[in-house]
């Protein structure tokens, strides 16, 4: 949890800098490169090794990422200084989520009992866009145990329109009425 919060703070700071500089796309690419480099097997082992001097770690960062814009490179150096290089992937992912949010995009996950056709996916995506006022990137999953209907998660909102949950609600209502 603490690492997740730290990654969000770093991502938010990077996002603010990127917005001020007007180059969200360049920062997205830079953070992806930083995440890849810092989690690469050899580089990650050297950077995580407490016996390796800080100046050697910084030389490694310069050698591998020296062509990045200076402000993005400074973030990589900061992660080395703070011993937080393992957060690089989470920072890049959270930065991407912030960019999508800034652009009016939300990710949604829909669970259905059967595979959706392309037309069904498009219709569901359109309805979700209309109800949220955002462009929806829809991921689907099949779970036959829900029997029918759809369960949609957008961020921390869960919309359960599954047949299974409706049957369970009806059952509990009937059981409660019998008493």
C-alpha atoms as a PDB file:
ATOM      1  CA  UNK A   1       0.000   0.000   0.000  1.00  0.00           C
ATOM      2  CA  UNK A   2       2.794   2.430   0.861  1.00  0.00           C
ATOM      3  CA  UNK A   3       4.563   1.652  -2.416  1.00  0.00           C
ATOM      4  CA  UNK A   4       1.330   2.174  -4.344  1.00  0.00           C
ATOM      5  CA  UNK A   5       0.844   5.575  -2.715  1.00  0.00           C
ATOM      6  CA  UNK A   6       4.452   6.527  -3.388  1.00  0.00           C
ATOM      7  CA  UNK A   7       4.128   5.523  -7.045  1.00  0.00           C
ATOM      8  CA  UNK A   8       0.982   7.646  -7.328  1.00  0.00           C
ATOM      9  CA  UNK A   9       2.766  10.648  -5.801  1.00  0.00           C
ATOM     10  CA  UNK A  10       5.709  10.350  -8.200  1.00  0.00           C
ATOM     11  CA  UNK A  11       3.340   9.887 -11.148  1.00  0.00           C
ATOM     12  CA  UNK A  12       1.270  12.901 -10.124  1.00  0.00           C
ATOM     13  CA  UNK A  13       4.384  15.046  -9.843  1.00  0.00           C
ATOM     14  CA  UNK A  14       5.637  13.873 -13.237  1.00  0.00           C
ATOM     15  CA  UNK A  15       2.198  14.512 -14.717  1.00  0.00           C
ATOM     16  CA  UNK A  16       2.170  18.088 -13.411  1.00  0.00           C
ATOM     17  CA  UNK A  17       5.642  18.736 -14.852  1.00  0.00           C
ATOM     18  CA  UNK A  18       4.647  17.172 -18.186  1.00  0.00           C
ATOM     19  CA  UNK A  19       1.507  19.308 -18.358  1.00  0.00           C
ATOM     20  CA  UNK A  20       3.486  22.463 -17.571  1.00  0.00           C
ATOM     21  CA  UNK A  21       6.002  21.536 -20.274  1.00  0.00           C
ATOM     22  CA  UNK A  22       3.162  20.650 -22.664  1.00  0.00           C
ATOM     23  CA  UNK A  23       4.577  17.256 -23.598  1.00  0.00           C
ATOM     24  CA  UNK A  24       2.513  14.423 -22.109  1.00  0.00           C
ATOM     25  CA  UNK A  25       3.414  12.090 -24.979  1.00  0.00           C
ATOM     26  CA  UNK A  26       7.171  12.613 -24.554  1.00  0.00           C
ATOM     27  CA  UNK A  27       6.859  11.971 -20.831  1.00  0.00           C
ATOM     28  CA  UNK A  28       4.830   8.814 -21.437  1.00  0.00           C
ATOM     29  CA  UNK A  29       7.582   7.480 -23.687  1.00  0.00           C
ATOM     30  CA  UNK A  30      10.302   8.524 -21.243  1.00  0.00           C
ATOM     31  CA  UNK A  31       8.576   6.865 -18.282  1.00  0.00           C
ATOM     32  CA  UNK A  32       8.071   3.675 -20.288  1.00  0.00           C
ATOM     33  CA  UNK A  33      11.810   3.643 -21.089  1.00  0.00           C
ATOM     34  CA  UNK A  34      12.726   4.352 -17.471  1.00  0.00           C
ATOM     35  CA  UNK A  35      10.422   1.569 -16.256  1.00  0.00           C
ATOM     36  CA  UNK A  36      11.874  -0.884 -18.756  1.00  0.00           C
ATOM     37  CA  UNK A  37      15.478   0.042 -17.959  1.00  0.00           C
ATOM     38  CA  UNK A  38      15.092   0.059 -14.164  1.00  0.00           C
ATOM     39  CA  UNK A  39      13.337  -3.296 -14.153  1.00  0.00           C
ATOM     40  CA  UNK A  40      15.698  -4.943 -16.663  1.00  0.00           C
ATOM     41  CA  UNK A  41      17.385  -7.912 -14.990  1.00  0.00           C
ATOM     42  CA  UNK A  42      20.994  -6.710 -14.944  1.00  0.00           C
ATOM     43  CA  UNK A  43      20.280  -3.035 -14.315  1.00  0.00           C
ATOM     44  CA  UNK A  44      17.709  -3.856 -11.621  1.00  0.00           C
ATOM     45  CA  UNK A  45      20.178  -6.093  -9.801  1.00  0.00           C
ATOM     46  CA  UNK A  46      22.900  -3.441  -9.823  1.00  0.00           C
ATOM     47  CA  UNK A  47      20.507  -0.689  -8.729  1.00  0.00           C
ATOM     48  CA  UNK A  48      19.040  -2.809  -5.920  1.00  0.00           C
ATOM     49  CA  UNK A  49      22.455  -3.849  -4.606  1.00  0.00           C
ATOM     50  CA  UNK A  50      23.227  -1.775  -1.525  1.00  0.00           C
ATOM     51  CA  UNK A  51      26.972  -2.479  -1.902  1.00  0.00           C
ATOM     52  CA  UNK A  52      27.145  -0.672  -5.255  1.00  0.00           C
ATOM     53  CA  UNK A  53      28.091   2.981  -4.687  1.00  0.00           C
ATOM     54  CA  UNK A  54      25.524   5.630  -5.605  1.00  0.00           C
ATOM     55  CA  UNK A  55      27.847   7.277  -8.137  1.00  0.00           C
ATOM     56  CA  UNK A  56      28.133   3.965 -10.036  1.00  0.00           C
ATOM     57  CA  UNK A  57      24.348   3.668 -10.064  1.00  0.00           C
ATOM     58  CA  UNK A  58      24.032   7.206 -11.418  1.00  0.00           C
ATOM     59  CA  UNK A  59      26.625   6.456 -14.111  1.00  0.00           C
ATOM     60  CA  UNK A  60      24.526   3.440 -15.098  1.00  0.00           C
ATOM     61  CA  UNK A  61      21.437   5.667 -15.357  1.00  0.00           C
ATOM     62  CA  UNK A  62      23.334   8.166 -17.513  1.00  0.00           C
ATOM     63  CA  UNK A  63      24.682   5.408 -19.762  1.00  0.00           C
ATOM     64  CA  UNK A  64      21.310   3.758 -20.261  1.00  0.00           C
ATOM     65  CA  UNK A  65      18.970   6.730 -20.244  1.00  0.00           C
ATOM     66  CA  UNK A  66      21.204   9.748 -20.904  1.00  0.00           C
ATOM     67  CA  UNK A  67      19.341  10.712 -24.083  1.00  0.00           C
ATOM     68  CA  UNK A  68      16.069  11.334 -22.234  1.00  0.00           C
ATOM     69  CA  UNK A  69      14.862  14.874 -21.564  1.00  0.00           C
ATOM     70  CA  UNK A  70      16.653  16.247 -18.499  1.00  0.00           C
ATOM     71  CA  UNK A  71      13.550  16.474 -16.276  1.00  0.00           C
ATOM     72  CA  UNK A  72      12.616  12.832 -16.950  1.00  0.00           C
ATOM     73  CA  UNK A  73      16.214  11.768 -16.377  1.00  0.00           C
ATOM     74  CA  UNK A  74      16.141  13.650 -13.074  1.00  0.00           C
ATOM     75  CA  UNK A  75      13.228  11.445 -12.010  1.00  0.00           C
ATOM     76  CA  UNK A  76      15.305   8.315 -12.702  1.00  0.00           C
ATOM     77  CA  UNK A  77      18.147   9.752 -10.612  1.00  0.00           C
ATOM     78  CA  UNK A  78      15.721  10.646  -7.830  1.00  0.00           C
ATOM     79  CA  UNK A  79      14.391   7.082  -7.773  1.00  0.00           C
ATOM     80  CA  UNK A  80      17.970   5.835  -7.421  1.00  0.00           C
ATOM     81  CA  UNK A  81      18.675   8.302  -4.601  1.00  0.00           C
ATOM     82  CA  UNK A  82      15.560   7.281  -2.716  1.00  0.00           C
ATOM     83  CA  UNK A  83      16.005   3.553  -3.332  1.00  0.00           C
ATOM     84  CA  UNK A  84      12.679   3.473  -5.167  1.00  0.00           C
ATOM     85  CA  UNK A  85      13.699   2.093  -8.568  1.00  0.00           C
ATOM     86  CA  UNK A  86      11.272  -0.824  -8.108  1.00  0.00           C
ATOM     87  CA  UNK A  87       8.395   1.674  -8.385  1.00  0.00           C
ATOM     88  CA  UNK A  88       9.222   2.661 -11.972  1.00  0.00           C
ATOM     89  CA  UNK A  89       6.648   0.362 -13.635  1.00  0.00           C
ATOM     90  CA  UNK A  90       3.890   1.476 -11.251  1.00  0.00           C
ATOM     91  CA  UNK A  91       4.787   5.125 -11.823  1.00  0.00           C
ATOM     92  CA  UNK A  92       4.599   4.686 -15.600  1.00  0.00           C
ATOM     93  CA  UNK A  93       1.242   2.871 -15.329  1.00  0.00           C
ATOM     94  CA  UNK A  94      -0.242   5.513 -13.031  1.00  0.00           C
ATOM     95  CA  UNK A  95       1.075   8.283 -15.288  1.00  0.00           C
ATOM     96  CA  UNK A  96      -0.709   6.614 -18.214  1.00  0.00           C
ATOM     97  CA  UNK A  97      -3.935   6.492 -16.194  1.00  0.00           C
ATOM     98  CA  UNK A  98      -3.583  10.211 -15.381  1.00  0.00           C
ATOM     99  CA  UNK A  99      -3.048  11.038 -19.054  1.00  0.00           C
ATOM    100  CA  UNK A 100      -6.151   9.044 -20.023  1.00  0.00           C
ATOM    101  CA  UNK A 101      -8.177  10.793 -17.324  1.00  0.00           C
ATOM    102  CA  UNK A 102      -6.904  14.168 -18.532  1.00  0.00           C
ATOM    103  CA  UNK A 103      -7.990  13.259 -22.067  1.00  0.00           C
ATOM    104  CA  UNK A 104     -11.474  12.220 -20.929  1.00  0.00           C
ATOM    105  CA  UNK A 105     -10.891   8.483 -21.251  1.00  0.00           C
ATOM    106  CA  UNK A 106     -11.966   5.833 -18.763  1.00  0.00           C
ATOM    107  CA  UNK A 107     -11.246   2.124 -18.754  1.00  0.00           C
ATOM    108  CA  UNK A 108     -14.122  -0.238 -18.084  1.00  0.00           C
ATOM    109  CA  UNK A 109     -14.235  -3.980 -17.523  1.00  0.00           C
ATOM    110  CA  UNK A 110     -17.403  -5.820 -18.482  1.00  0.00           C
ATOM    111  CA  UNK A 111     -18.123  -9.375 -17.368  1.00  0.00           C
ATOM    112  CA  UNK A 112     -20.795 -11.275 -19.299  1.00  0.00           C
ATOM    113  CA  UNK A 113     -22.041 -14.853 -19.299  1.00  0.00           C
ATOM    114  CA  UNK A 114     -21.333 -15.239 -23.018  1.00  0.00           C
ATOM    115  CA  UNK A 115     -18.864 -13.694 -25.455  1.00  0.00           C
ATOM    116  CA  UNK A 116     -20.049 -10.324 -26.758  1.00  0.00           C
ATOM    117  CA  UNK A 117     -20.232  -9.693 -30.487  1.00  0.00           C
ATOM    118  CA  UNK A 118     -18.409  -6.670 -31.856  1.00  0.00           C
ATOM    119  CA  UNK A 119     -21.770  -4.898 -32.233  1.00  0.00           C
ATOM    120  CA  UNK A 120     -22.667  -5.677 -28.591  1.00  0.00           C
ATOM    121  CA  UNK A 121     -19.267  -4.428 -27.401  1.00  0.00           C
ATOM    122  CA  UNK A 122     -19.699  -1.206 -29.367  1.00  0.00           C
ATOM    123  CA  UNK A 123     -23.256  -0.683 -28.073  1.00  0.00           C
ATOM    124  CA  UNK A 124     -22.198  -1.266 -24.464  1.00  0.00           C
ATOM    125  CA  UNK A 125     -19.210   1.040 -24.877  1.00  0.00           C
ATOM    126  CA  UNK A 126     -21.478   3.712 -26.374  1.00  0.00           C
ATOM    127  CA  UNK A 127     -24.023   3.442 -23.529  1.00  0.00           C
ATOM    128  CA  UNK A 128     -21.262   3.681 -20.931  1.00  0.00           C
ATOM    129  CA  UNK A 129     -19.805   6.709 -22.730  1.00  0.00           C
ATOM    130  CA  UNK A 130     -23.199   8.405 -22.719  1.00  0.00           C
ATOM    131  CA  UNK A 131     -23.761   7.703 -19.019  1.00  0.00           C
ATOM    132  CA  UNK A 132     -20.287   8.805 -17.895  1.00  0.00           C
ATOM    133  CA  UNK A 133     -19.619  11.588 -20.378  1.00  0.00           C
ATOM    134  CA  UNK A 134     -16.216  10.035 -21.102  1.00  0.00           C
ATOM    135  CA  UNK A 135     -14.754   7.956 -23.896  1.00  0.00           C
ATOM    136  CA  UNK A 136     -14.675   4.333 -22.730  1.00  0.00           C
ATOM    137  CA  UNK A 137     -11.964   1.770 -23.429  1.00  0.00           C
ATOM    138  CA  UNK A 138     -13.803  -1.491 -22.835  1.00  0.00           C
ATOM    139  CA  UNK A 139     -12.229  -4.782 -21.803  1.00  0.00           C
ATOM    140  CA  UNK A 140     -14.489  -7.813 -21.680  1.00  0.00           C
ATOM    141  CA  UNK A 141     -14.387 -11.073 -19.781  1.00  0.00           C
ATOM    142  CA  UNK A 142     -16.643 -14.127 -19.905  1.00  0.00           C
ATOM    143  CA  UNK A 143     -17.899 -15.731 -16.684  1.00  0.00           C
ATOM    144  CA  UNK A 144     -20.739 -18.220 -17.265  1.00  0.00           C
ATOM    145  CA  UNK A 145     -21.496 -18.303 -13.522  1.00  0.00           C
ATOM    146  CA  UNK A 146     -23.255 -14.908 -13.710  1.00  0.00           C
ATOM    147  CA  UNK A 147     -25.945 -16.637 -15.863  1.00  0.00           C
ATOM    148  CA  UNK A 148     -26.811 -13.515 -17.889  1.00  0.00           C
ATOM    149  CA  UNK A 149     -26.699  -9.749 -17.893  1.00  0.00           C
ATOM    150  CA  UNK A 150     -23.498  -7.803 -17.330  1.00  0.00           C
ATOM    151  CA  UNK A 151     -21.267  -6.608 -14.508  1.00  0.00           C
ATOM    152  CA  UNK A 152     -19.358  -3.427 -15.334  1.00  0.00           C
ATOM    153  CA  UNK A 153     -16.522  -1.860 -13.378  1.00  0.00           C
ATOM    154  CA  UNK A 154     -15.387   1.663 -14.206  1.00  0.00           C
ATOM    155  CA  UNK A 155     -12.673   2.788 -11.829  1.00  0.00           C
ATOM    156  CA  UNK A 156     -14.025   2.101  -8.366  1.00  0.00           C
ATOM    157  CA  UNK A 157     -17.684   1.982  -9.485  1.00  0.00           C
ATOM    158  CA  UNK A 158     -19.310  -1.432  -9.867  1.00  0.00           C
ATOM    159  CA  UNK A 159     -22.593  -1.828 -11.733  1.00  0.00           C
ATOM    160  CA  UNK A 160     -24.012  -5.321 -11.238  1.00  0.00           C
ATOM    161  CA  UNK A 161     -26.787  -6.115 -13.691  1.00  0.00           C
ATOM    162  CA  UNK A 162     -26.149  -9.845 -13.675  1.00  0.00           C
ATOM    163  CA  UNK A 163     -28.962 -12.375 -13.578  1.00  0.00           C
ATOM    164  CA  UNK A 164     -27.202 -14.158 -10.729  1.00  0.00           C
ATOM    165  CA  UNK A 165     -27.283 -11.081  -8.455  1.00  0.00           C
ATOM    166  CA  UNK A 166     -30.942 -10.403  -9.341  1.00  0.00           C
ATOM    167  CA  UNK A 167     -31.851 -14.002  -8.484  1.00  0.00           C
ATOM    168  CA  UNK A 168     -29.929 -13.782  -5.202  1.00  0.00           C
ATOM    169  CA  UNK A 169     -31.738 -10.536  -4.319  1.00  0.00           C
ATOM    170  CA  UNK A 170     -35.103 -12.134  -5.148  1.00  0.00           C
ATOM    171  CA  UNK A 171     -34.204 -15.177  -3.054  1.00  0.00           C
ATOM    172  CA  UNK A 172     -33.286 -13.086  -0.027  1.00  0.00           C
ATOM    173  CA  UNK A 173     -36.512 -11.081  -0.423  1.00  0.00           C
ATOM    174  CA  UNK A 174     -38.582 -14.271  -0.569  1.00  0.00           C
ATOM    175  CA  UNK A 175     -36.763 -15.839   2.387  1.00  0.00           C
ATOM    176  CA  UNK A 176     -37.272 -12.649   4.401  1.00  0.00           C
ATOM    177  CA  UNK A 177     -41.008 -12.535   3.493  1.00  0.00           C
ATOM    178  CA  UNK A 178     -41.608 -16.084   4.744  1.00  0.00           C
ATOM    179  CA  UNK A 179     -40.628 -15.275   8.329  1.00  0.00           C
END
